Amino acid sequence: MPTECKECDENLFDDIKAFVTHAPKSQNVKTKDIIGTYQERSNGDFNIDIKDEKLNSLAKEIQKIIKETRSHDS
């Protein structure tokens, strides 16, 4: 015990107990799955300058899908 706390010498605590009476109510909330959709705004005309071969291939596949989708929408 620090020496600065002489007035606390008589009131030492060995144990502290707490009693809590509030318990939040559990609520069953129904949620809906919402699937966000949007119209593609790109026409697929963009340059792909990616050095990594896997990422470059993936970007080109995405570009191809965009171009195919745009040609079907027109």
PDB file of N, CA and C in Angstrom:
ATOM      1  N   MET A   1       0.845  -1.170   0.000  1.00  0.00           N
ATOM      2  CA  MET A   1       0.000   0.000   0.000  1.00  0.00           C
ATOM      3  C   MET A   1       0.890   1.232   0.000  1.00  0.00           C
ATOM      4  N   PRO A   2       0.590   2.223  -0.852  1.00  0.00           N
ATOM      5  CA  PRO A   2       1.411   3.439  -0.890  1.00  0.00           C
ATOM      6  C   PRO A   2       1.365   4.183   0.439  1.00  0.00           C
ATOM      7  N   THR A   3       2.442   4.834   0.770  1.00  0.00           N
ATOM      8  CA  THR A   3       2.510   5.573   2.038  1.00  0.00           C
ATOM      9  C   THR A   3       1.716   6.859   1.993  1.00  0.00           C
ATOM     10  N   GLU A   4       1.372   7.359   0.789  1.00  0.00           N
ATOM     11  CA  GLU A   4       0.619   8.603   0.674  1.00  0.00           C
ATOM     12  C   GLU A   4      -0.837   8.442   1.117  1.00  0.00           C
ATOM     13  N   CYS A   5      -1.320   7.219   1.267  1.00  0.00           N
ATOM     14  CA  CYS A   5      -2.734   6.971   1.532  1.00  0.00           C
ATOM     15  C   CYS A   5      -2.945   6.528   2.985  1.00  0.00           C
ATOM     16  N   LYS A   6      -2.548   7.353   3.918  1.00  0.00           N
ATOM     17  CA  LYS A   6      -2.662   6.997   5.330  1.00  0.00           C
ATOM     18  C   LYS A   6      -4.109   6.982   5.801  1.00  0.00           C
ATOM     19  N   GLU A   7      -4.972   7.850   5.254  1.00  0.00           N
ATOM     20  CA  GLU A   7      -6.362   7.868   5.699  1.00  0.00           C
ATOM     21  C   GLU A   7      -7.146   6.649   5.218  1.00  0.00           C
ATOM     22  N   CYS A   8      -6.563   5.886   4.285  1.00  0.00           N
ATOM     23  CA  CYS A   8      -7.239   4.691   3.776  1.00  0.00           C
ATOM     24  C   CYS A   8      -6.832   3.438   4.543  1.00  0.00           C
ATOM     25  N   ASP A   9      -5.909   3.550   5.467  1.00  0.00           N
ATOM     26  CA  ASP A   9      -5.412   2.376   6.192  1.00  0.00           C
ATOM     27  C   ASP A   9      -6.524   1.630   6.911  1.00  0.00           C
ATOM     28  N   GLU A  10      -7.531   2.336   7.420  1.00  0.00           N
ATOM     29  CA  GLU A  10      -8.600   1.701   8.183  1.00  0.00           C
ATOM     30  C   GLU A  10      -9.637   1.033   7.273  1.00  0.00           C
ATOM     31  N   ASN A  11      -9.739   1.457   6.031  1.00  0.00           N
ATOM     32  CA  ASN A  11     -10.810   0.996   5.149  1.00  0.00           C
ATOM     33  C   ASN A  11     -10.265   0.186   3.966  1.00  0.00           C
ATOM     34  N   LEU A  12      -9.628  -0.901   4.243  1.00  0.00           N
ATOM     35  CA  LEU A  12      -9.102  -1.734   3.176  1.00  0.00           C
ATOM     36  C   LEU A  12     -10.188  -2.687   2.688  1.00  0.00           C
ATOM     37  N   PHE A  13     -10.248  -2.874   1.409  1.00  0.00           N
ATOM     38  CA  PHE A  13     -11.245  -3.761   0.811  1.00  0.00           C
ATOM     39  C   PHE A  13     -10.588  -5.086   0.438  1.00  0.00           C
ATOM     40  N   ASP A  14     -11.240  -6.162   0.831  1.00  0.00           N
ATOM     41  CA  ASP A  14     -10.767  -7.483   0.439  1.00  0.00           C
ATOM     42  C   ASP A  14     -11.526  -7.989  -0.782  1.00  0.00           C
ATOM     43  N   ASP A  15     -12.792  -7.561  -0.894  1.00  0.00           N
ATOM     44  CA  ASP A  15     -13.636  -8.072  -1.970  1.00  0.00           C
ATOM     45  C   ASP A  15     -14.684  -7.014  -2.316  1.00  0.00           C
ATOM     46  N   ILE A  16     -15.038  -6.956  -3.569  1.00  0.00           N
ATOM     47  CA  ILE A  16     -16.072  -6.035  -4.025  1.00  0.00           C
ATOM     48  C   ILE A  16     -17.131  -6.852  -4.742  1.00  0.00           C
ATOM     49  N   LYS A  17     -18.382  -6.624  -4.409  1.00  0.00           N
ATOM     50  CA  LYS A  17     -19.483  -7.323  -5.054  1.00  0.00           C
ATOM     51  C   LYS A  17     -20.366  -6.295  -5.746  1.00  0.00           C
ATOM     52  N   ALA A  18     -20.952  -6.717  -6.857  1.00  0.00           N
ATOM     53  CA  ALA A  18     -21.851  -5.827  -7.591  1.00  0.00           C
ATOM     54  C   ALA A  18     -23.106  -6.597  -7.947  1.00  0.00           C
ATOM     55  N   PHE A  19     -24.232  -5.901  -7.940  1.00  0.00           N
ATOM     56  CA  PHE A  19     -25.506  -6.505  -8.317  1.00  0.00           C
ATOM     57  C   PHE A  19     -26.132  -5.642  -9.401  1.00  0.00           C
ATOM     58  N   VAL A  20     -26.418  -6.250 -10.536  1.00  0.00           N
ATOM     59  CA  VAL A  20     -26.995  -5.518 -11.659  1.00  0.00           C
ATOM     60  C   VAL A  20     -28.392  -6.046 -11.897  1.00  0.00           C
ATOM     61  N   THR A  21     -29.366  -5.135 -11.934  1.00  0.00           N
ATOM     62  CA  THR A  21     -30.750  -5.574 -12.119  1.00  0.00           C
ATOM     63  C   THR A  21     -31.236  -5.401 -13.545  1.00  0.00           C
ATOM     64  N   HIS A  22     -30.522  -4.626 -14.335  1.00  0.00           N
ATOM     65  CA  HIS A  22     -30.982  -4.369 -15.700  1.00  0.00           C
ATOM     66  C   HIS A  22     -30.436  -5.419 -16.656  1.00  0.00           C
ATOM     67  N   ALA A  23     -31.330  -6.049 -17.371  1.00  0.00           N
ATOM     68  CA  ALA A  23     -30.932  -6.985 -18.427  1.00  0.00           C
ATOM     69  C   ALA A  23     -31.712  -6.568 -19.678  1.00  0.00           C
ATOM     70  N   PRO A  24     -31.036  -6.269 -20.774  1.00  0.00           N
ATOM     71  CA  PRO A  24     -31.754  -5.838 -21.974  1.00  0.00           C
ATOM     72  C   PRO A  24     -32.655  -6.947 -22.515  1.00  0.00           C
ATOM     73  N   LYS A  25     -33.799  -6.548 -23.016  1.00  0.00           N
ATOM     74  CA  LYS A  25     -34.730  -7.501 -23.587  1.00  0.00           C
ATOM     75  C   LYS A  25     -34.198  -7.975 -24.933  1.00  0.00           C
ATOM     76  N   SER A  26     -34.291  -9.262 -25.151  1.00  0.00           N
ATOM     77  CA  SER A  26     -33.869  -9.764 -26.456  1.00  0.00           C
ATOM     78  C   SER A  26     -35.022  -9.597 -27.427  1.00  0.00           C
ATOM     79  N   GLN A  27     -34.696  -9.074 -28.588  1.00  0.00           N
ATOM     80  CA  GLN A  27     -35.720  -8.820 -29.594  1.00  0.00           C
ATOM     81  C   GLN A  27     -35.396  -9.621 -30.837  1.00  0.00           C
ATOM     82  N   ASN A  28     -36.389 -10.326 -31.335  1.00  0.00           N
ATOM     83  CA  ASN A  28     -36.225 -11.044 -32.586  1.00  0.00           C
ATOM     84  C   ASN A  28     -36.645 -10.114 -33.709  1.00  0.00           C
ATOM     85  N   VAL A  29     -35.687  -9.704 -34.502  1.00  0.00           N
ATOM     86  CA  VAL A  29     -35.951  -8.768 -35.581  1.00  0.00           C
ATOM     87  C   VAL A  29     -35.814  -9.519 -36.897  1.00  0.00           C
ATOM     88  N   LYS A  30     -36.835  -9.464 -37.704  1.00  0.00           N
ATOM     89  CA  LYS A  30     -36.785 -10.097 -39.002  1.00  0.00           C
ATOM     90  C   LYS A  30     -36.140  -9.135 -39.990  1.00  0.00           C
ATOM     91  N   THR A  31     -35.191  -9.647 -40.736  1.00  0.00           N
ATOM     92  CA  THR A  31     -34.520  -8.825 -41.728  1.00  0.00           C
ATOM     93  C   THR A  31     -34.715  -9.438 -43.101  1.00  0.00           C
ATOM     94  N   LYS A  32     -34.666  -8.588 -44.097  1.00  0.00           N
ATOM     95  CA  LYS A  32     -34.774  -9.037 -45.473  1.00  0.00           C
ATOM     96  C   LYS A  32     -33.412  -8.923 -46.129  1.00  0.00           C
ATOM     97  N   ASP A  33     -33.085  -9.923 -46.941  1.00  0.00           N
ATOM     98  CA  ASP A  33     -31.865  -9.838 -47.729  1.00  0.00           C
ATOM     99  C   ASP A  33     -32.158  -8.980 -48.953  1.00  0.00           C
ATOM    100  N   ILE A  34     -31.396  -7.932 -49.102  1.00  0.00           N
ATOM    101  CA  ILE A  34     -31.577  -7.032 -50.231  1.00  0.00           C
ATOM    102  C   ILE A  34     -30.390  -7.186 -51.161  1.00  0.00           C
ATOM    103  N   ILE A  35     -30.690  -7.515 -52.386  1.00  0.00           N
ATOM    104  CA  ILE A  35     -29.630  -7.657 -53.377  1.00  0.00           C
ATOM    105  C   ILE A  35     -29.601  -6.374 -54.201  1.00  0.00           C
ATOM    106  N   GLY A  36     -28.508  -5.662 -54.077  1.00  0.00           N
ATOM    107  CA  GLY A  36     -28.374  -4.402 -54.808  1.00  0.00           C
ATOM    108  C   GLY A  36     -27.972  -4.671 -56.255  1.00  0.00           C
ATOM    109  N   THR A  37     -28.688  -4.088 -57.153  1.00  0.00           N
ATOM    110  CA  THR A  37     -28.333  -4.204 -58.568  1.00  0.00           C
ATOM    111  C   THR A  37     -28.196  -2.799 -59.142  1.00  0.00           C
ATOM    112  N   TYR A  38     -27.416  -2.713 -60.163  1.00  0.00           N
ATOM    113  CA  TYR A  38     -27.230  -1.428 -60.817  1.00  0.00           C
ATOM    114  C   TYR A  38     -26.960  -1.681 -62.288  1.00  0.00           C
ATOM    115  N   GLN A  39     -27.200  -0.684 -63.073  1.00  0.00           N
ATOM    116  CA  GLN A  39     -26.938  -0.779 -64.497  1.00  0.00           C
ATOM    117  C   GLN A  39     -25.467  -0.466 -64.743  1.00  0.00           C
ATOM    118  N   GLU A  40     -24.808  -1.329 -65.511  1.00  0.00           N
ATOM    119  CA  GLU A  40     -23.398  -1.124 -65.809  1.00  0.00           C
ATOM    120  C   GLU A  40     -23.226   0.147 -66.630  1.00  0.00           C
ATOM    121  N   ARG A  41     -22.342   1.020 -66.187  1.00  0.00           N
ATOM    122  CA  ARG A  41     -22.132   2.287 -66.886  1.00  0.00           C
ATOM    123  C   ARG A  41     -20.930   2.242 -67.819  1.00  0.00           C
ATOM    124  N   SER A  42     -20.062   1.258 -67.628  1.00  0.00           N
ATOM    125  CA  SER A  42     -18.875   1.170 -68.477  1.00  0.00           C
ATOM    126  C   SER A  42     -19.222   0.485 -69.788  1.00  0.00           C
ATOM    127  N   ASN A  43     -18.504   0.849 -70.840  1.00  0.00           N
ATOM    128  CA  ASN A  43     -18.703   0.163 -72.113  1.00  0.00           C
ATOM    129  C   ASN A  43     -17.544  -0.791 -72.396  1.00  0.00           C
ATOM    130  N   GLY A  44     -16.609  -0.909 -71.471  1.00  0.00           N
ATOM    131  CA  GLY A  44     -15.497  -1.842 -71.611  1.00  0.00           C
ATOM    132  C   GLY A  44     -14.311  -1.290 -72.368  1.00  0.00           C
ATOM    133  N   ASP A  45     -14.368  -0.036 -72.772  1.00  0.00           N
ATOM    134  CA  ASP A  45     -13.245   0.572 -73.497  1.00  0.00           C
ATOM    135  C   ASP A  45     -12.304   1.250 -72.510  1.00  0.00           C
ATOM    136  N   PHE A  46     -11.401   0.454 -71.940  1.00  0.00           N
ATOM    137  CA  PHE A  46     -10.396   1.000 -71.036  1.00  0.00           C
ATOM    138  C   PHE A  46      -9.124   0.188 -71.197  1.00  0.00           C
ATOM    139  N   ASN A  47      -8.004   0.828 -70.912  1.00  0.00           N
ATOM    140  CA  ASN A  47      -6.691   0.177 -71.038  1.00  0.00           C
ATOM    141  C   ASN A  47      -6.394  -0.623 -69.784  1.00  0.00           C
ATOM    142  N   ILE A  48      -5.817  -1.782 -69.987  1.00  0.00           N
ATOM    143  CA  ILE A  48      -5.418  -2.618 -68.858  1.00  0.00           C
ATOM    144  C   ILE A  48      -3.900  -2.666 -68.851  1.00  0.00           C
ATOM    145  N   ASP A  49      -3.303  -2.014 -67.867  1.00  0.00           N
ATOM    146  CA  ASP A  49      -1.844  -1.943 -67.758  1.00  0.00           C
ATOM    147  C   ASP A  49      -1.426  -2.578 -66.430  1.00  0.00           C
ATOM    148  N   ILE A  50      -1.628  -3.889 -66.332  1.00  0.00           N
ATOM    149  CA  ILE A  50      -1.304  -4.614 -65.103  1.00  0.00           C
ATOM    150  C   ILE A  50      -0.175  -5.586 -65.416  1.00  0.00           C
ATOM    151  N   LYS A  51       0.887  -5.521 -64.641  1.00  0.00           N
ATOM    152  CA  LYS A  51       2.065  -6.354 -64.891  1.00  0.00           C
ATOM    153  C   LYS A  51       1.836  -7.811 -64.469  1.00  0.00           C
ATOM    154  N   ASP A  52       1.122  -8.025 -63.371  1.00  0.00           N
ATOM    155  CA  ASP A  52       0.858  -9.371 -62.874  1.00  0.00           C
ATOM    156  C   ASP A  52      -0.037 -10.115 -63.864  1.00  0.00           C
ATOM    157  N   GLU A  53       0.415 -11.285 -64.326  1.00  0.00           N
ATOM    158  CA  GLU A  53      -0.296 -12.015 -65.372  1.00  0.00           C
ATOM    159  C   GLU A  53      -1.691 -12.468 -64.926  1.00  0.00           C
ATOM    160  N   LYS A  54      -1.811 -12.929 -63.674  1.00  0.00           N
ATOM    161  CA  LYS A  54      -3.112 -13.390 -63.177  1.00  0.00           C
ATOM    162  C   LYS A  54      -4.109 -12.233 -63.114  1.00  0.00           C
ATOM    163  N   LEU A  55      -3.678 -11.113 -62.559  1.00  0.00           N
ATOM    164  CA  LEU A  55      -4.570  -9.957 -62.445  1.00  0.00           C
ATOM    165  C   LEU A  55      -4.910  -9.388 -63.815  1.00  0.00           C
ATOM    166  N   ASN A  56      -3.930  -9.384 -64.729  1.00  0.00           N
ATOM    167  CA  ASN A  56      -4.162  -8.895 -66.080  1.00  0.00           C
ATOM    168  C   ASN A  56      -5.205  -9.758 -66.768  1.00  0.00           C
ATOM    169  N   SER A  57      -5.077 -11.068 -66.629  1.00  0.00           N
ATOM    170  CA  SER A  57      -6.031 -12.000 -67.226  1.00  0.00           C
ATOM    171  C   SER A  57      -7.428 -11.791 -66.648  1.00  0.00           C
ATOM    172  N   LEU A  58      -7.515 -11.614 -65.339  1.00  0.00           N
ATOM    173  CA  LEU A  58      -8.802 -11.387 -64.676  1.00  0.00           C
ATOM    174  C   LEU A  58      -9.440 -10.089 -65.157  1.00  0.00           C
ATOM    175  N   ALA A  59      -8.652  -9.034 -65.259  1.00  0.00           N
ATOM    176  CA  ALA A  59      -9.178  -7.750 -65.723  1.00  0.00           C
ATOM    177  C   ALA A  59      -9.670  -7.851 -67.164  1.00  0.00           C
ATOM    178  N   LYS A  60      -8.954  -8.598 -67.990  1.00  0.00           N
ATOM    179  CA  LYS A  60      -9.387  -8.772 -69.381  1.00  0.00           C
ATOM    180  C   LYS A  60     -10.678  -9.583 -69.466  1.00  0.00           C
ATOM    181  N   GLU A  61     -10.843 -10.577 -68.578  1.00  0.00           N
ATOM    182  CA  GLU A  61     -12.089 -11.337 -68.542  1.00  0.00           C
ATOM    183  C   GLU A  61     -13.258 -10.435 -68.154  1.00  0.00           C
ATOM    184  N   ILE A  62     -13.041  -9.579 -67.173  1.00  0.00           N
ATOM    185  CA  ILE A  62     -14.083  -8.642 -66.747  1.00  0.00           C
ATOM    186  C   ILE A  62     -14.416  -7.688 -67.881  1.00  0.00           C
ATOM    187  N   GLN A  63     -13.396  -7.191 -68.568  1.00  0.00           N
ATOM    188  CA  GLN A  63     -13.604  -6.284 -69.695  1.00  0.00           C
ATOM    189  C   GLN A  63     -14.423  -6.980 -70.787  1.00  0.00           C
ATOM    190  N   LYS A  64     -14.121  -8.236 -71.054  1.00  0.00           N
ATOM    191  CA  LYS A  64     -14.842  -9.002 -72.070  1.00  0.00           C
ATOM    192  C   LYS A  64     -16.315  -9.155 -71.681  1.00  0.00           C
ATOM    193  N   ILE A  65     -16.579  -9.458 -70.407  1.00  0.00           N
ATOM    194  CA  ILE A  65     -17.957  -9.608 -69.927  1.00  0.00           C
ATOM    195  C   ILE A  65     -18.712  -8.293 -70.080  1.00  0.00           C
ATOM    196  N   ILE A  66     -18.063  -7.179 -69.742  1.00  0.00           N
ATOM    197  CA  ILE A  66     -18.706  -5.868 -69.867  1.00  0.00           C
ATOM    198  C   ILE A  66     -19.054  -5.587 -71.321  1.00  0.00           C
ATOM    199  N   LYS A  67     -18.119  -5.852 -72.218  1.00  0.00           N
ATOM    200  CA  LYS A  67     -18.370  -5.594 -73.637  1.00  0.00           C
ATOM    201  C   LYS A  67     -19.496  -6.479 -74.168  1.00  0.00           C
ATOM    202  N   GLU A  68     -19.525  -7.755 -73.757  1.00  0.00           N
ATOM    203  CA  GLU A  68     -20.592  -8.651 -74.194  1.00  0.00           C
ATOM    204  C   GLU A  68     -21.944  -8.196 -73.649  1.00  0.00           C
ATOM    205  N   THR A  69     -21.969  -7.779 -72.419  1.00  0.00           N
ATOM    206  CA  THR A  69     -23.214  -7.316 -71.804  1.00  0.00           C
ATOM    207  C   THR A  69     -23.714  -6.050 -72.506  1.00  0.00           C
ATOM    208  N   ARG A  70     -22.808  -5.139 -72.807  1.00  0.00           N
ATOM    209  CA  ARG A  70     -23.188  -3.880 -73.486  1.00  0.00           C
ATOM    210  C   ARG A  70     -23.715  -4.150 -74.889  1.00  0.00           C
ATOM    211  N   SER A  71     -23.139  -5.142 -75.585  1.00  0.00           N
ATOM    212  CA  SER A  71     -23.604  -5.432 -76.939  1.00  0.00           C
ATOM    213  C   SER A  71     -24.988  -6.061 -76.909  1.00  0.00           C
ATOM    214  N   HIS A  72     -25.342  -6.788 -75.854  1.00  0.00           N
ATOM    215  CA  HIS A  72     -26.671  -7.380 -75.723  1.00  0.00           C
ATOM    216  C   HIS A  72     -27.704  -6.330 -75.321  1.00  0.00           C
ATOM    217  N   ASP A  73     -27.284  -5.310 -74.552  1.00  0.00           N
ATOM    218  CA  ASP A  73     -28.202  -4.257 -74.093  1.00  0.00           C
ATOM    219  C   ASP A  73     -28.573  -3.294 -75.204  1.00  0.00           C
ATOM    220  N   SER A  74     -27.718  -3.140 -76.200  1.00  0.00           N
ATOM    221  CA  SER A  74     -27.944  -2.145 -77.252  1.00  0.00           C
ATOM    222  C   SER A  74     -29.030  -2.558 -78.202  1.00  0.00           C
TER     223      SER A  74
END
